[in-house]
C-alpha cells in the first residue's frame, strides 16, 4: 500500500508540473499565432494547426515528457491501489498545478481557491486512511471491448463537440479529457498479459487499444482546454472526469474495497475530493486571475476577428 501511495503521489507531481508547463507553451503559441489566418475555428476555438504548433514549444515538450512519466507511474499505482484511491491521489495534481501557476502563469489564487485546495488535500488523507485492498481486475473479454467502444465514442465525439462549441467548451474539454484518463486507468487495471507477462495476450487485448485511444484523445482535449480556458478550471474538470466513474467502476465491478468499518470515511473523502475540485473550477474563472507576467495578453477570438484576419 505504501509503495503504491508513493507511486501515485509521484505521478501526481509529474502531471501537475506537466499541466502548467503545457499551459505556458499553449498560451505562448496562442499569442504568437492569434492574428494568423486559420488559427481559430468559426466559433472561436483553436484549430488543429494552432494546437499542433502549441505542442512544439519547449515548455509543452517538457510538460509532455512529464506526462509520460506520470502515466507510467500512474499505471503502476492503478495496479497496486483501489481505483478510488489511486485515481484521486493522481488527480491531486490540481494542487501542484494551482501552486505552480502562481509562479509560472502569474495567476493570483483567491482565498476560496486556497480553501478548496485545502479541502482536496484533507479528503485525500481520509481516502488514504480508509482504503482497503484493490480488486483482482479480472473481467470478461466483452468488458474490454465495451471499454474500447466507449473510449472511441468519447474521444471522437467529444473532439467534434468541442470544436463546434469553440471557446465555450473549455470545461467540457477538461471533463472529456478526464473521462479519457479515467478510461485509461480502468484499462490498465483490467489489461491482460501483464502478470504473468504474455505478449500475445497483451497485444490481442482490446483494453490495450482503449488505453491508447483514451490516452491520446485525453491529452489532445486537455491541450485544447488549456488553450481556451482557465488552467485551474480545466484541470478541476479533468479531476472530476478521471476520479468519479473509475472509482465507482472499481468498487462495483473490479472488487475494490475500503477497510472494514471505514466505508463511510472512504465515501466522505471521495465526495469531499470531488467537491473541492469542482469548487476550484467554480472559483477559478479566467477573469479572476491576473494577466500573465512579462507578456501581452493574448488577443481574444473576437479581437482577432475584428482585426480583419479570417477565423
Foldseek 3Di string as FASTA:
>chain_A
DVVLLVLLLLLLLLQLQLLQLLLLLLQVLLQVCVLPFPQAAPQQFGDPVSLVNSCPDPSNVSSVVSNVSSLVSLLVSLQWFQLLLSLLSSLLSLVVNVVVCVVQFVWDDDPLLVVLNVLLVVLNVLQVVWWDGFFQLADDLVVLVVLQVVLCCLLVVLVVVCSVNHLVCLLVLLLSLLLLLLSLSSLSSNAPQVVVHDVVSRVPRSSNVSNVSSNVSSVSSLSSSSNRFFSLLSSLSSSLNNNDVSNVCRVPPRPTDTPVPSPVSNVVSSVSNNVSSNSSNVRRGPVNTDGGPPDDRRDGSVVSVVVVHHD
